[in-house]
Amino acid sequence: MARVRDAKRGFDDRGAYAQVFAATYPDMVSHLVLCNTDAFEVFPPSAFASLQIGVRVPGFLSLMAMLFRVPSFVRSPRALGLLSHAATKEELSELYVRPFTRSRSIRRDFAKVVRSWDPAITQETASRLARYDKPALILWGADDQQLFPRSLTYVQEDQPEAFAAALTQFLLQADASGTTIDRFAREC
């Protein structure tokens, strides 16, 4: 089997999965970048914990899909308004919301993922990541912090230029050979 060498990045709950992957398969990860991610005992964040109950209620996902078709709801703190300033724009809302509203199989997969959320996973992963010895970067955007002013969880949407610049600088410094930088920079 060929060895895959790649940079893993994650934000929001995907950051938790990137951490699990890096802790489980450290030889397959050359760099780890985490952005406003679930970690330690915060998986899921309290604002989304009720989803674990909701996805078990018949009709909940259909109701959620209907609500996501209402622009004012999507912009509210109960949806994307909690995650991003920029993602409240129609085109970004469509990017993140449209697949969920239109695909029953995506909603079914979403429910599976939500039911699997467990802080024990991220706490155990954090202890294993203490032994992770490759380049790692945490980019955190929050209105009350200095790193990315005017950013919420989705830093890459709120401050894409600053996000890409910080990421590129990290990759250039962490891997002077450039083996992963070209491919990764295009994805930003």
C-alpha atoms as a PDB file:
ATOM      1  CA  MET A   1       0.000   0.000   0.000  1.00  0.00           C
ATOM      2  CA  ALA A   2       1.333   3.424  -0.901  1.00  0.00           C
ATOM      3  CA  ARG A   3       1.995   5.798   1.957  1.00  0.00           C
ATOM      4  CA  VAL A   4      -0.153   8.896   1.805  1.00  0.00           C
ATOM      5  CA  ARG A   5       1.514  12.064   3.005  1.00  0.00           C
ATOM      6  CA  ASP A   6      -0.880  14.945   3.288  1.00  0.00           C
ATOM      7  CA  ALA A   7      -1.761  17.952   5.342  1.00  0.00           C
ATOM      8  CA  LYS A   8      -4.964  17.550   7.360  1.00  0.00           C
ATOM      9  CA  ARG A   9      -7.051  20.534   8.262  1.00  0.00           C
ATOM     10  CA  GLY A  10     -10.294  20.850  10.095  1.00  0.00           C
ATOM     11  CA  PHE A  11     -12.670  23.410  11.458  1.00  0.00           C
ATOM     12  CA  ASP A  12     -15.788  23.122  13.566  1.00  0.00           C
ATOM     13  CA  ASP A  13     -16.658  19.434  14.085  1.00  0.00           C
ATOM     14  CA  ARG A  14     -14.450  18.391  11.144  1.00  0.00           C
ATOM     15  CA  GLY A  15     -11.500  19.520  13.241  1.00  0.00           C
ATOM     16  CA  ALA A  16     -12.392  16.868  15.788  1.00  0.00           C
ATOM     17  CA  TYR A  17     -12.284  14.254  13.032  1.00  0.00           C
ATOM     18  CA  ALA A  18      -8.946  15.619  11.779  1.00  0.00           C
ATOM     19  CA  GLN A  19      -7.569  15.278  15.312  1.00  0.00           C
ATOM     20  CA  VAL A  20      -8.786  11.679  15.569  1.00  0.00           C
ATOM     21  CA  PHE A  21      -7.211  10.876  12.191  1.00  0.00           C
ATOM     22  CA  ALA A  22      -3.882  12.513  13.096  1.00  0.00           C
ATOM     23  CA  ALA A  23      -3.771  10.725  16.456  1.00  0.00           C
ATOM     24  CA  THR A  24      -4.694   7.381  14.902  1.00  0.00           C
ATOM     25  CA  TYR A  25      -2.571   7.600  11.733  1.00  0.00           C
ATOM     26  CA  PRO A  26       0.250  10.050  12.511  1.00  0.00           C
ATOM     27  CA  ASP A  27       2.482   8.583   9.794  1.00  0.00           C
ATOM     28  CA  MET A  28      -0.080   9.584   7.178  1.00  0.00           C
ATOM     29  CA  VAL A  29      -0.232  13.241   8.238  1.00  0.00           C
ATOM     30  CA  SER A  30       2.503  15.735   7.433  1.00  0.00           C
ATOM     31  CA  HIS A  31       0.852  18.836   8.947  1.00  0.00           C
ATOM     32  CA  LEU A  32      -2.188  19.446  11.145  1.00  0.00           C
ATOM     33  CA  VAL A  33      -4.175  22.689  10.950  1.00  0.00           C
ATOM     34  CA  LEU A  34      -7.140  23.259  13.253  1.00  0.00           C
ATOM     35  CA  CYS A  35      -9.515  26.196  13.097  1.00  0.00           C
ATOM     36  CA  ASN A  36     -12.084  26.925  15.802  1.00  0.00           C
ATOM     37  CA  THR A  37     -12.626  23.246  16.341  1.00  0.00           C
ATOM     38  CA  ASP A  38     -14.336  20.985  18.784  1.00  0.00           C
ATOM     39  CA  ALA A  39     -11.833  19.497  21.230  1.00  0.00           C
ATOM     40  CA  PHE A  40     -11.407  18.114  24.728  1.00  0.00           C
ATOM     41  CA  GLU A  41     -14.764  18.093  26.560  1.00  0.00           C
ATOM     42  CA  VAL A  42     -16.424  20.330  23.952  1.00  0.00           C
ATOM     43  CA  PHE A  43     -17.856  17.845  21.454  1.00  0.00           C
ATOM     44  CA  PRO A  44     -20.403  19.011  20.558  1.00  0.00           C
ATOM     45  CA  PRO A  45     -20.452  22.650  21.677  1.00  0.00           C
ATOM     46  CA  SER A  46     -23.386  23.390  23.997  1.00  0.00           C
ATOM     47  CA  ALA A  47     -25.198  25.373  21.267  1.00  0.00           C
ATOM     48  CA  PHE A  48     -25.507  22.160  19.221  1.00  0.00           C
ATOM     49  CA  ALA A  49     -25.964  19.563  21.969  1.00  0.00           C
ATOM     50  CA  SER A  50     -29.756  19.596  21.509  1.00  0.00           C
ATOM     51  CA  LEU A  51     -29.236  18.204  17.995  1.00  0.00           C
ATOM     52  CA  GLN A  52     -28.359  14.845  19.565  1.00  0.00           C
ATOM     53  CA  ILE A  53     -31.893  14.629  20.930  1.00  0.00           C
ATOM     54  CA  GLY A  54     -33.520  16.195  17.881  1.00  0.00           C
ATOM     55  CA  VAL A  55     -32.108  13.755  15.333  1.00  0.00           C
ATOM     56  CA  ARG A  56     -33.821  10.938  17.221  1.00  0.00           C
ATOM     57  CA  VAL A  57     -37.272  12.562  16.875  1.00  0.00           C
ATOM     58  CA  PRO A  58     -39.231  11.493  13.782  1.00  0.00           C
ATOM     59  CA  GLY A  59     -39.640  14.419  11.374  1.00  0.00           C
ATOM     60  CA  PHE A  60     -36.986  16.579  13.043  1.00  0.00           C
ATOM     61  CA  LEU A  61     -34.596  16.554  10.085  1.00  0.00           C
ATOM     62  CA  SER A  62     -37.411  17.425   7.663  1.00  0.00           C
ATOM     63  CA  LEU A  63     -38.441  20.337   9.891  1.00  0.00           C
ATOM     64  CA  MET A  64     -34.815  21.429  10.109  1.00  0.00           C
ATOM     65  CA  ALA A  65     -34.545  21.338   6.295  1.00  0.00           C
ATOM     66  CA  MET A  66     -37.702  23.485   6.028  1.00  0.00           C
ATOM     67  CA  LEU A  67     -36.309  26.005   8.508  1.00  0.00           C
ATOM     68  CA  PHE A  68     -33.070  26.191   6.525  1.00  0.00           C
ATOM     69  CA  ARG A  69     -35.116  27.393   3.545  1.00  0.00           C
ATOM     70  CA  VAL A  70     -36.076  30.541   5.517  1.00  0.00           C
ATOM     71  CA  PRO A  71     -33.307  33.151   5.003  1.00  0.00           C
ATOM     72  CA  SER A  72     -33.902  34.941   8.318  1.00  0.00           C
ATOM     73  CA  PHE A  73     -33.512  31.639  10.187  1.00  0.00           C
ATOM     74  CA  VAL A  74     -30.311  30.771   8.336  1.00  0.00           C
ATOM     75  CA  ARG A  75     -28.832  34.139   9.364  1.00  0.00           C
ATOM     76  CA  SER A  76     -29.948  33.726  12.991  1.00  0.00           C
ATOM     77  CA  PRO A  77     -27.717  32.535  15.848  1.00  0.00           C
ATOM     78  CA  ARG A  78     -29.597  29.193  15.717  1.00  0.00           C
ATOM     79  CA  ALA A  79     -28.019  28.457  12.308  1.00  0.00           C
ATOM     80  CA  LEU A  80     -25.148  30.003  10.309  1.00  0.00           C
ATOM     81  CA  GLY A  81     -25.368  33.324  12.156  1.00  0.00           C
ATOM     82  CA  LEU A  82     -23.684  31.599  15.068  1.00  0.00           C
ATOM     83  CA  LEU A  83     -20.850  30.331  12.884  1.00  0.00           C
ATOM     84  CA  SER A  84     -19.945  33.130  10.516  1.00  0.00           C
ATOM     85  CA  HIS A  85     -20.549  36.754   9.705  1.00  0.00           C
ATOM     86  CA  ALA A  86     -19.850  36.253   6.012  1.00  0.00           C
ATOM     87  CA  ALA A  87     -21.742  32.981   5.634  1.00  0.00           C
ATOM     88  CA  THR A  88     -25.002  34.848   6.113  1.00  0.00           C
ATOM     89  CA  LYS A  89     -24.713  36.001   2.528  1.00  0.00           C
ATOM     90  CA  GLU A  90     -27.008  34.109   0.202  1.00  0.00           C
ATOM     91  CA  GLU A  91     -24.266  32.450  -1.840  1.00  0.00           C
ATOM     92  CA  LEU A  92     -22.483  31.075   1.236  1.00  0.00           C
ATOM     93  CA  SER A  93     -25.749  30.004   2.829  1.00  0.00           C
ATOM     94  CA  GLU A  94     -26.505  28.095  -0.338  1.00  0.00           C
ATOM     95  CA  LEU A  95     -23.091  26.454  -0.228  1.00  0.00           C
ATOM     96  CA  TYR A  96     -23.522  25.172   3.323  1.00  0.00           C
ATOM     97  CA  VAL A  97     -27.297  24.702   3.506  1.00  0.00           C
ATOM     98  CA  ARG A  98     -28.617  23.706   0.080  1.00  0.00           C
ATOM     99  CA  PRO A  99     -27.309  20.097   0.092  1.00  0.00           C
ATOM    100  CA  PHE A 100     -28.910  19.486   3.506  1.00  0.00           C
ATOM    101  CA  THR A 101     -32.267  20.902   2.456  1.00  0.00           C
ATOM    102  CA  ARG A 102     -32.423  18.966  -0.803  1.00  0.00           C
ATOM    103  CA  SER A 103     -31.017  15.544   0.023  1.00  0.00           C
ATOM    104  CA  ARG A 104     -32.650  13.058   2.360  1.00  0.00           C
ATOM    105  CA  SER A 105     -29.484  10.915   2.306  1.00  0.00           C
ATOM    106  CA  ILE A 106     -27.355  13.878   3.452  1.00  0.00           C
ATOM    107  CA  ARG A 107     -29.786  14.484   6.308  1.00  0.00           C
ATOM    108  CA  ARG A 108     -29.625  10.779   7.203  1.00  0.00           C
ATOM    109  CA  ASP A 109     -25.799  10.919   7.224  1.00  0.00           C
ATOM    110  CA  PHE A 110     -25.951  14.097   9.305  1.00  0.00           C
ATOM    111  CA  ALA A 111     -28.074  12.280  11.892  1.00  0.00           C
ATOM    112  CA  LYS A 112     -25.551   9.413  12.043  1.00  0.00           C
ATOM    113  CA  VAL A 113     -22.707  11.827  12.641  1.00  0.00           C
ATOM    114  CA  VAL A 114     -24.598  13.801  15.290  1.00  0.00           C
ATOM    115  CA  ARG A 115     -25.519  10.615  17.166  1.00  0.00           C
ATOM    116  CA  SER A 116     -21.808   9.705  17.279  1.00  0.00           C
ATOM    117  CA  TRP A 117     -20.701  12.935  18.982  1.00  0.00           C
ATOM    118  CA  ASP A 118     -19.122  12.117  22.337  1.00  0.00           C
ATOM    119  CA  PRO A 119     -16.665  14.194  24.358  1.00  0.00           C
ATOM    120  CA  ALA A 120     -14.935  10.982  25.457  1.00  0.00           C
ATOM    121  CA  ILE A 121     -13.657  10.665  21.870  1.00  0.00           C
ATOM    122  CA  THR A 122     -12.051  14.105  21.785  1.00  0.00           C
ATOM    123  CA  GLN A 123     -10.691  13.823  25.324  1.00  0.00           C
ATOM    124  CA  GLU A 124      -9.015  10.495  24.559  1.00  0.00           C
ATOM    125  CA  THR A 125      -7.748  11.894  21.250  1.00  0.00           C
ATOM    126  CA  ALA A 126      -6.251  14.923  23.010  1.00  0.00           C
ATOM    127  CA  SER A 127      -4.161  12.656  25.217  1.00  0.00           C
ATOM    128  CA  ARG A 128      -2.867  10.784  22.132  1.00  0.00           C
ATOM    129  CA  LEU A 129      -2.189  14.049  20.267  1.00  0.00           C
ATOM    130  CA  ALA A 130       0.214  15.047  23.018  1.00  0.00           C
ATOM    131  CA  ARG A 131       2.619  12.641  21.273  1.00  0.00           C
ATOM    132  CA  TYR A 132       1.994  14.109  17.798  1.00  0.00           C
ATOM    133  CA  ASP A 133       5.402  15.434  16.704  1.00  0.00           C
ATOM    134  CA  LYS A 134       4.709  17.037  13.324  1.00  0.00           C
ATOM    135  CA  PRO A 135       3.973  20.662  12.459  1.00  0.00           C
ATOM    136  CA  ALA A 136       0.619  21.814  13.821  1.00  0.00           C
ATOM    137  CA  LEU A 137      -1.188  25.144  13.691  1.00  0.00           C
ATOM    138  CA  ILE A 138      -4.302  26.378  15.424  1.00  0.00           C
ATOM    139  CA  LEU A 139      -6.083  29.299  13.751  1.00  0.00           C
ATOM    140  CA  TRP A 140      -8.798  30.722  15.972  1.00  0.00           C
ATOM    141  CA  GLY A 141     -11.216  33.421  14.883  1.00  0.00           C
ATOM    142  CA  ALA A 142     -13.445  35.053  17.444  1.00  0.00           C
ATOM    143  CA  ASP A 143     -14.735  38.580  17.802  1.00  0.00           C
ATOM    144  CA  ASP A 144     -13.252  38.914  21.250  1.00  0.00           C
ATOM    145  CA  GLN A 145      -9.781  37.735  20.265  1.00  0.00           C
ATOM    146  CA  GLN A 146      -6.959  39.379  18.356  1.00  0.00           C
ATOM    147  CA  LEU A 147      -6.007  36.712  15.829  1.00  0.00           C
ATOM    148  CA  PHE A 148      -8.844  37.211  13.339  1.00  0.00           C
ATOM    149  CA  PRO A 149     -10.976  40.196  14.337  1.00  0.00           C
ATOM    150  CA  ARG A 150     -14.538  40.118  13.003  1.00  0.00           C
ATOM    151  CA  SER A 151     -14.491  36.324  12.664  1.00  0.00           C
ATOM    152  CA  LEU A 152     -16.567  33.593  14.206  1.00  0.00           C
ATOM    153  CA  THR A 153     -16.095  29.831  13.804  1.00  0.00           C
ATOM    154  CA  TYR A 154     -15.805  29.833  10.001  1.00  0.00           C
ATOM    155  CA  VAL A 155     -12.628  31.921   9.812  1.00  0.00           C
ATOM    156  CA  GLN A 156     -12.059  30.840   6.214  1.00  0.00           C
ATOM    157  CA  GLU A 157     -15.351  32.547   5.263  1.00  0.00           C
ATOM    158  CA  ASP A 158     -15.097  35.642   7.448  1.00  0.00           C
ATOM    159  CA  GLN A 159     -11.436  36.457   6.801  1.00  0.00           C
ATOM    160  CA  PRO A 160     -10.381  34.390   3.780  1.00  0.00           C
ATOM    161  CA  GLU A 161      -7.324  36.475   2.891  1.00  0.00           C
ATOM    162  CA  ALA A 162      -5.962  36.505   6.444  1.00  0.00           C
ATOM    163  CA  PHE A 163      -6.748  32.808   6.811  1.00  0.00           C
ATOM    164  CA  ALA A 164      -4.973  31.882   3.562  1.00  0.00           C
ATOM    165  CA  ALA A 165      -1.976  34.080   4.420  1.00  0.00           C
ATOM    166  CA  ALA A 166      -1.554  32.531   7.883  1.00  0.00           C
ATOM    167  CA  LEU A 167      -1.966  29.042   6.497  1.00  0.00           C
ATOM    168  CA  THR A 168       0.489  29.615   3.651  1.00  0.00           C
ATOM    169  CA  GLN A 169       3.057  31.134   6.011  1.00  0.00           C
ATOM    170  CA  PHE A 170       2.755  28.136   8.341  1.00  0.00           C
ATOM    171  CA  LEU A 171       3.146  25.625   5.539  1.00  0.00           C
ATOM    172  CA  LEU A 172       6.113  27.456   4.042  1.00  0.00           C
ATOM    173  CA  GLN A 173       7.866  27.600   7.400  1.00  0.00           C
ATOM    174  CA  ALA A 174       6.917  24.052   8.423  1.00  0.00           C
ATOM    175  CA  ASP A 175       7.881  22.368   5.163  1.00  0.00           C
ATOM    176  CA  ALA A 176      10.676  24.164   3.360  1.00  0.00           C
ATOM    177  CA  SER A 177      10.718  21.422   0.734  1.00  0.00           C
ATOM    178  CA  GLY A 178       7.300  22.522  -0.552  1.00  0.00           C
ATOM    179  CA  THR A 179       6.030  18.966  -1.028  1.00  0.00           C
ATOM    180  CA  THR A 180       2.505  19.684   0.177  1.00  0.00           C
ATOM    181  CA  ILE A 181       2.305  23.448  -0.186  1.00  0.00           C
ATOM    182  CA  ASP A 182       1.286  23.844  -3.823  1.00  0.00           C
ATOM    183  CA  ARG A 183      -1.663  21.462  -3.629  1.00  0.00           C
ATOM    184  CA  PHE A 184      -2.768  22.759  -0.236  1.00  0.00           C
ATOM    185  CA  ALA A 185      -2.563  26.456  -1.115  1.00  0.00           C
ATOM    186  CA  ARG A 186      -4.938  25.974  -4.048  1.00  0.00           C
ATOM    187  CA  GLU A 187      -7.523  24.438  -1.745  1.00  0.00           C
ATOM    188  CA  CYS A 188      -7.674  27.497   0.511  1.00  0.00           C
END
